[in-house]
Protein backbone atom coordinates (compact mmCIF):
# COMPACT_ATOMS: atom_id res chain seq x y z
CA UNK A 1 21.95 77.72 44.06
CA UNK A 2 25.02 79.83 43.33
CA UNK A 3 25.30 81.66 40.00
CA UNK A 4 28.03 79.32 38.76
CA UNK A 5 25.93 76.31 39.65
CA UNK A 6 22.96 77.81 37.77
CA UNK A 7 25.11 78.36 34.70
CA UNK A 8 26.41 74.80 34.88
CA UNK A 9 22.86 73.47 35.19
CA UNK A 10 21.74 75.45 32.15
CA UNK A 11 24.65 74.03 30.18
CA UNK A 12 23.59 70.53 31.26
CA UNK A 13 20.13 71.40 29.91
CA UNK A 14 21.61 72.13 26.50
CA UNK A 15 22.72 75.78 26.46
CA UNK A 16 26.22 76.74 25.41
CA UNK A 17 28.58 78.45 27.84
CA UNK A 18 27.94 81.88 26.25
CA UNK A 19 24.17 81.31 26.15
CA UNK A 20 23.93 80.30 29.80
CA UNK A 21 26.13 83.22 30.83
CA UNK A 22 24.06 85.74 28.80
CA UNK A 23 20.73 84.32 30.03
CA UNK A 24 21.77 84.59 33.69
CA UNK A 25 22.84 88.21 33.03
CA UNK A 26 19.44 89.00 31.45
CA UNK A 27 17.66 87.47 34.45
CA UNK A 28 19.68 89.63 36.82
CA UNK A 29 19.34 92.86 34.77
CA UNK A 30 15.65 92.38 33.97
CA UNK A 31 16.02 94.22 30.65
CA UNK A 32 19.06 95.84 29.10
CA UNK A 33 20.80 96.66 25.87
CA UNK A 34 23.00 94.12 24.16
CA UNK A 35 26.09 96.11 25.13
CA UNK A 36 25.05 96.22 28.80
CA UNK A 37 24.38 92.47 28.77
CA UNK A 38 27.82 91.82 27.23
CA UNK A 39 29.44 93.97 29.92
CA UNK A 40 27.62 91.97 32.63
CA UNK A 41 28.84 88.61 31.40
CA UNK A 42 31.78 86.97 29.66
CA UNK A 43 30.32 87.07 26.13
CA UNK A 44 32.38 89.27 23.76
CA UNK A 45 30.42 92.20 22.27
CA UNK A 46 31.11 90.82 18.81
CA UNK A 47 29.21 87.65 19.75
CA UNK A 48 26.46 89.01 21.98
CA UNK A 49 23.96 89.68 19.15
CA UNK A 50 24.13 86.12 17.82
CA UNK A 51 23.91 84.70 21.33
CA UNK A 52 20.80 86.79 22.16
CA UNK A 53 19.06 85.78 18.92
CA UNK A 54 19.75 82.10 19.68
CA UNK A 55 18.28 82.53 23.17
CA UNK A 56 15.23 84.21 21.66
CA UNK A 57 14.78 81.36 19.15
CA UNK A 58 14.80 78.87 22.03
CA UNK A 59 12.20 80.86 23.98
CA UNK A 60 14.41 82.10 26.83
CA UNK A 61 14.28 85.83 26.04
CA UNK A 62 12.74 88.31 23.68
CA UNK A 63 14.55 91.14 21.91
CA UNK A 64 13.32 94.54 20.81
CA UNK A 65 14.73 97.66 19.25
CA UNK A 66 15.11 100.83 21.35
CA UNK A 67 17.80 102.88 19.57
CA UNK A 68 19.79 99.63 19.78
CA UNK A 69 19.07 95.97 20.36
CA UNK A 70 17.65 95.32 23.80
CA UNK A 71 16.59 92.08 25.50
CA UNK A 72 14.44 91.02 28.41
CA UNK A 73 13.65 87.63 29.90
CA UNK A 74 10.41 85.95 28.84
CA UNK A 75 7.94 84.47 31.29
CA UNK A 76 10.00 81.49 32.44
CA UNK A 77 7.05 79.07 32.57
CA UNK A 78 7.93 77.40 29.26
CA UNK A 79 11.61 77.24 30.24
CA UNK A 80 10.74 75.82 33.64
CA UNK A 81 8.41 73.25 32.10
CA UNK A 82 11.12 72.11 29.72
CA UNK A 83 13.68 71.89 32.52
CA UNK A 84 11.28 69.89 34.70
CA UNK A 85 10.56 67.48 31.84
CA UNK A 86 14.28 66.99 31.31
CA UNK A 87 14.73 66.43 35.04
CA UNK A 88 11.97 63.80 35.04
CA UNK A 89 13.50 62.13 31.99
CA UNK A 90 16.90 62.02 33.66
CA UNK A 91 15.40 60.66 36.88
CA UNK A 92 13.56 57.97 34.93
CA UNK A 93 16.74 57.14 33.03
CA UNK A 94 18.61 56.85 36.33
CA UNK A 95 16.01 54.42 37.68
CA UNK A 96 16.11 52.40 34.46
CA UNK A 97 19.91 52.21 34.55
CA UNK A 98 19.77 50.98 38.15
CA UNK A 99 17.06 48.43 37.30
CA UNK A 100 18.97 47.10 34.28
CA UNK A 101 22.17 46.89 36.30
CA UNK A 102 20.46 44.71 38.90
CA UNK A 103 18.49 42.65 36.36
CA UNK A 104 19.98 39.17 35.71
CA UNK A 105 21.59 38.80 32.31
CA UNK A 106 19.42 37.14 29.67
CA UNK A 107 21.75 35.13 27.50
CA UNK A 108 20.50 31.77 26.30
CA UNK A 109 16.93 31.91 27.50
CA UNK A 110 13.76 33.81 26.88
CA UNK A 111 10.80 34.62 29.13
CA UNK A 112 7.79 36.56 27.89
CA UNK A 113 4.66 37.69 29.73
CA UNK A 114 1.63 37.99 27.47
CA UNK A 115 -1.92 39.19 28.08
CA UNK A 116 -3.97 36.90 25.87
CA UNK A 117 -4.48 33.17 26.40
CA UNK A 118 -4.75 32.72 22.62
CA UNK A 119 -1.10 33.73 22.34
CA UNK A 120 -0.09 30.99 24.79
CA UNK A 121 -2.29 28.37 23.13
CA UNK A 122 -1.11 29.17 19.61
CA UNK A 123 2.51 28.90 20.77
CA UNK A 124 1.77 25.53 22.37
CA UNK A 125 0.13 24.34 19.16
CA UNK A 126 3.30 25.16 17.20
CA UNK A 127 5.66 23.61 19.75
CA UNK A 128 3.71 20.36 19.99
CA UNK A 129 3.81 20.01 16.21
CA UNK A 130 7.58 20.56 16.23
CA UNK A 131 8.27 18.29 19.27
CA UNK A 132 11.02 15.71 18.89
CA UNK A 133 11.12 13.77 22.17
CA UNK A 134 8.44 14.48 24.77
CA UNK A 135 5.40 16.61 25.58
CA UNK A 136 3.79 17.11 29.00
CA UNK A 137 0.41 18.77 28.87
CA UNK A 138 -2.24 20.04 31.31
CA UNK A 139 -5.51 20.87 29.56
CA UNK A 140 -9.27 20.95 29.83
CA UNK A 141 -11.28 18.54 27.64
CA UNK A 142 -12.02 21.35 25.18
CA UNK A 143 -8.35 22.35 24.98
CA UNK A 144 -7.38 18.71 24.39
CA UNK A 145 -9.80 18.48 21.49
CA UNK A 146 -8.42 21.71 20.00
CA UNK A 147 -4.86 20.35 20.25
CA UNK A 148 -5.71 16.81 19.15
CA UNK A 149 -4.46 17.16 15.53
CA UNK A 150 -1.07 18.43 16.75
CA UNK A 151 -0.88 15.71 19.42
CA UNK A 152 -1.60 13.04 16.83
CA UNK A 153 1.19 14.46 14.67
CA UNK A 154 3.58 14.35 17.63
CA UNK A 155 2.69 10.71 18.35
CA UNK A 156 3.26 9.81 14.70
CA UNK A 157 6.72 11.39 15.05
CA UNK A 158 7.52 9.07 17.97
CA UNK A 159 7.06 11.68 20.69
CA UNK A 160 6.03 10.52 24.18
CA UNK A 161 2.94 12.55 25.12
CA UNK A 162 1.65 12.73 28.70
CA UNK A 163 -1.65 14.55 29.17
CA UNK A 164 -3.29 15.62 32.43
CA UNK A 165 -6.92 16.50 31.73
CA UNK A 166 -8.69 18.52 34.39
CA UNK A 167 -12.46 18.34 34.78
CA UNK A 168 -14.68 17.81 37.82
CA UNK A 169 -17.09 15.55 35.95
CA UNK A 170 -15.55 12.35 34.61
CA UNK A 171 -18.37 12.14 32.06
CA UNK A 172 -16.91 15.15 30.23
CA UNK A 173 -13.56 13.45 29.63
CA UNK A 174 -12.73 12.79 25.96
CA UNK A 175 -13.77 9.32 24.81
CA UNK A 176 -11.28 6.49 24.28
CA UNK A 177 -11.69 7.03 20.54
CA UNK A 178 -10.65 10.67 20.93
CA UNK A 179 -7.69 9.79 23.14
CA UNK A 180 -6.48 6.97 20.90
CA UNK A 181 -3.39 7.96 18.95
CA UNK A 182 -3.15 11.40 20.59
CA UNK A 183 -1.43 10.56 23.89
CA UNK A 184 0.90 7.96 25.33
CA UNK A 185 -0.80 8.26 28.72
CA UNK A 186 -3.67 10.35 30.06
CA UNK A 187 -4.52 11.07 33.70
CA UNK A 188 -7.60 12.73 35.13
CA UNK A 189 -7.23 15.59 37.63
CA UNK A 190 -10.45 16.54 39.39
CA UNK A 191 -9.42 20.09 40.34
CA UNK A 192 -9.18 23.32 38.32
CA UNK A 193 -5.72 23.47 36.80
CA UNK A 194 -3.62 25.85 34.74
CA UNK A 195 -2.90 25.33 31.10
CA UNK A 196 0.62 23.98 30.79
CA UNK A 197 2.65 22.62 27.89
CA UNK A 198 6.26 21.45 28.33
CA UNK A 199 8.07 20.46 25.15
CA UNK A 200 11.48 18.80 24.76
CA UNK A 201 12.73 19.99 28.17
CA UNK A 202 13.35 23.57 27.04
CA UNK A 203 10.00 25.17 26.18
CA UNK A 204 7.08 26.10 28.45
CA UNK A 205 3.65 27.60 27.78
CA UNK A 206 1.70 28.48 30.93
CA UNK A 207 -1.56 30.26 31.76
CA UNK A 208 -3.52 30.28 35.06
CA UNK A 209 -6.79 28.36 35.25
CA UNK A 210 -10.02 30.13 34.32
CA UNK A 211 -10.97 30.86 37.93
CA UNK A 212 -7.75 32.71 38.67
CA UNK A 213 -8.10 36.41 39.54
CA UNK A 214 -5.08 37.30 37.41
CA UNK A 215 -5.21 36.39 33.76
CA UNK A 216 -1.90 36.33 31.88
CA UNK A 217 0.40 33.94 30.10
CA UNK A 218 4.05 32.98 30.38
CA UNK A 219 6.19 31.73 27.50
CA UNK A 220 9.56 30.26 28.43
CA UNK A 221 12.41 28.99 26.32
CA UNK A 222 14.91 27.91 28.94
CA UNK A 223 16.15 24.54 30.18
CA UNK A 224 16.32 25.36 33.89
CA UNK A 225 13.01 27.23 34.19
CA UNK A 226 11.22 24.50 32.24
CA UNK A 227 12.63 21.99 34.76
CA UNK A 228 10.84 23.91 37.55
CA UNK A 229 7.53 23.65 35.66
CA UNK A 230 8.29 19.96 35.05
CA UNK A 231 8.30 19.27 38.79
CA UNK A 232 5.06 21.18 39.22
CA UNK A 233 3.59 18.93 36.53
CA UNK A 234 4.89 15.75 38.21
CA UNK A 235 3.79 16.58 41.75
CA UNK A 236 0.52 18.46 41.24
CA UNK A 237 -0.82 17.49 37.84
CA UNK A 238 0.41 13.93 37.30
CA UNK A 239 1.78 11.72 40.06
CA UNK A 240 -1.26 11.46 42.35
CA UNK A 241 -3.99 11.19 39.71
CA UNK A 242 -5.55 8.11 38.13
CA UNK A 243 -4.65 6.92 34.65
CA UNK A 244 -7.69 6.90 32.34
CA UNK A 245 -5.92 5.95 29.11
CA UNK A 246 -2.57 4.44 28.26
CA UNK A 247 -0.78 3.29 25.14
CA UNK A 248 2.37 2.39 27.02
CA UNK A 249 3.72 -1.06 26.23
CA UNK A 250 3.62 -3.57 29.08
CA UNK A 251 6.29 -5.76 27.46
CA UNK A 252 9.62 -4.71 25.91
CA UNK A 253 10.42 -2.57 24.13
CA UNK A 254 9.20 -0.07 26.73
CA UNK A 255 10.13 3.59 26.33
CA UNK A 256 10.68 6.22 29.01
CA UNK A 257 11.52 9.90 28.88
CA UNK A 258 11.61 10.16 32.68
CA UNK A 259 14.38 8.26 34.47
CA UNK A 260 12.42 8.32 37.74
CA UNK A 261 9.46 6.51 36.24
CA UNK A 262 11.88 4.02 34.69
CA UNK A 263 13.57 3.30 38.02
CA UNK A 264 10.20 2.90 39.77
CA UNK A 265 9.31 0.19 37.25
CA UNK A 266 12.61 -1.67 37.08
CA UNK A 267 13.68 -1.67 40.73
CA UNK A 268 11.53 -4.71 41.67
CA UNK A 269 12.96 -6.55 38.65
CA UNK A 270 16.51 -5.70 39.67
CA UNK A 271 15.75 -6.86 43.21
CA UNK A 272 14.67 -10.19 41.70
CA UNK A 273 17.98 -10.48 39.85
CA UNK A 274 16.63 -9.74 36.38
CA UNK A 275 19.00 -8.94 33.52
CA UNK A 276 17.63 -5.82 31.85
CA UNK A 277 18.88 -4.81 28.42
CA UNK A 278 18.58 -1.09 27.77
CA UNK A 279 19.25 1.42 25.03
CA UNK A 280 19.92 5.04 26.03
CA UNK A 281 19.62 8.12 23.87
CA UNK A 282 20.83 11.43 25.26
CA UNK A 283 23.81 13.75 25.63
CA UNK A 284 27.31 13.49 27.00
CA UNK A 285 27.23 15.68 30.08
CA UNK A 286 30.84 16.83 29.67
CA UNK A 287 30.73 17.85 26.01
CA UNK A 288 26.98 18.21 25.36
CA UNK A 289 27.30 16.01 22.26
CA UNK A 290 24.42 13.66 21.35
CA UNK A 291 25.11 10.01 22.14
CA UNK A 292 23.59 6.53 22.26
CA UNK A 293 24.64 3.51 24.29
CA UNK A 294 23.33 0.03 24.85
CA UNK A 295 24.04 -2.55 27.51
CA UNK A 296 22.81 -4.23 30.66
CA UNK A 297 21.60 -2.30 33.70
CA UNK A 298 24.07 -3.13 36.45
CA UNK A 299 22.17 -1.26 39.17
CA UNK A 300 20.01 1.78 39.84
CA UNK A 301 20.57 4.17 42.73
CA UNK A 302 18.74 7.16 44.13
CA UNK A 303 19.09 9.53 47.06
CA UNK A 304 16.04 8.20 48.91
CA UNK A 305 15.84 4.93 50.81
CA UNK A 306 15.53 1.88 48.55
CA UNK A 307 12.31 -0.06 49.01
CA UNK A 308 13.92 -3.48 48.36
CA UNK A 309 10.37 -4.80 47.91
CA UNK A 310 7.91 -5.19 45.06
CA UNK A 311 6.15 -2.00 46.08
CA UNK A 312 6.35 1.05 43.82
CA UNK A 313 8.91 3.57 45.01
CA UNK A 314 7.22 6.80 46.19
CA UNK A 315 8.01 9.84 44.07
CA UNK A 316 9.33 11.61 47.16
CA UNK A 317 12.12 9.02 47.36
CA UNK A 318 13.12 9.88 43.79
CA UNK A 319 13.18 13.68 44.09
CA UNK A 320 16.97 13.79 44.40
CA UNK A 321 19.79 12.28 42.36
CA UNK A 322 18.72 9.19 40.39
CA UNK A 323 21.27 7.16 38.41
CA UNK A 324 21.19 4.06 36.24
CA UNK A 325 24.52 2.28 35.69
CA UNK A 326 24.81 0.64 32.28
CA UNK A 327 27.44 -1.99 31.46
CA UNK A 328 28.11 -1.89 27.71
CA UNK A 329 30.50 -4.86 27.86
CA UNK A 330 33.62 -2.74 28.13
CA UNK A 331 32.85 -0.33 30.93
CA UNK A 332 30.11 0.86 33.21
CA UNK A 333 28.59 4.26 32.47
CA UNK A 334 26.47 6.40 34.80
CA UNK A 335 23.24 7.69 33.27
CA UNK A 336 21.18 10.49 34.82
CA UNK A 337 17.94 12.16 33.87
CA UNK A 338 16.86 15.73 33.24
CA UNK A 339 19.46 18.07 34.72
CA UNK A 340 22.21 15.43 35.06
CA UNK A 341 25.72 16.82 35.39
CA UNK A 342 27.72 14.42 37.60
CA UNK A 343 26.80 11.36 35.50
CA UNK A 344 28.38 10.49 32.15
CA UNK A 345 25.15 10.82 30.17
CA UNK A 346 21.90 12.79 30.45
CA UNK A 347 19.21 10.47 29.10
CA UNK A 348 16.37 11.88 27.01
CA UNK A 349 14.97 8.48 25.98
CA UNK A 350 15.41 5.16 27.82
CA UNK A 351 14.21 2.02 26.06
CA UNK A 352 14.01 -1.29 27.91
CA UNK A 353 14.81 -3.77 25.14
CA UNK A 354 14.57 -7.02 27.06
CA UNK A 355 14.06 -8.40 30.57
CA UNK A 356 15.39 -11.84 31.50
CA UNK A 357 14.41 -13.21 34.88
CA UNK A 358 16.68 -15.77 36.57
CA UNK A 359 15.73 -19.42 36.21
């Protein structure tokens, strides 16, 4: 490194121009009087004494009297250690700047990784109590019992609650008395499963199952990420497992929070020419404003191949775009489900008010 580069580096480390110049002169001279040091650098003689005392205070040199003020460089170990620490700090800062530059912006969502399951469970307890529309839950029998008071509160508030209970032994499932009033529908999964709570389409609480090697928790408050967990719930924790308890009405009014389940149920009726009266609660997709509409279902379409039979439509056929067209007497409006953006309305609650079969 050239002398000028060394001086510039010392200034970057916090020394003034005069201090860096004087310190380099002391290093080169070994030891010298203040006057000799001033002559060897650009520091005026009137300033050299103050500059040397400042360097001594910072540990770079030591001064002593020998007819006049003299100075010599101190063992540079402390100086070198300080410089190396600053270099490491700057390197770390550079890496952090690069990482933050590449990190996606976090605007309207929140994701937290936590270490303790209790943190995840306590958050789920709060969210279930505050739920307004729907709850999807994957729990063990013990976790269900711990959450039962909050689930009962949610049901009293009109929330649709779907619970997947995982246990290998059916005899350990909660009794009908325990399930009553705490869930709209319960299914039994016979494999170890993670803890999962999805609330009102925007909030997720997740923790791996007990046998997982890695133990952690994830808390999400984001519409899109919760939608990903929603599909995990549908495909792995819900769709293929047997129902062990249901409080769903078999006759109107019948409520749905999932448009795909609604279409699976009504398609055979539509194929038979039934007139289905429906009430939709949701949001205008263009403005995001809450809305309600009522009318007759004109038709239901989805990306998969229509069964055109009385058989239940496979979930795989409903994985894409699903739309219900509602005629309110003046116009026909397109209604989509979670994530709708090309339809007129994103439905959060679909209520079948009446079904009239042709004579």
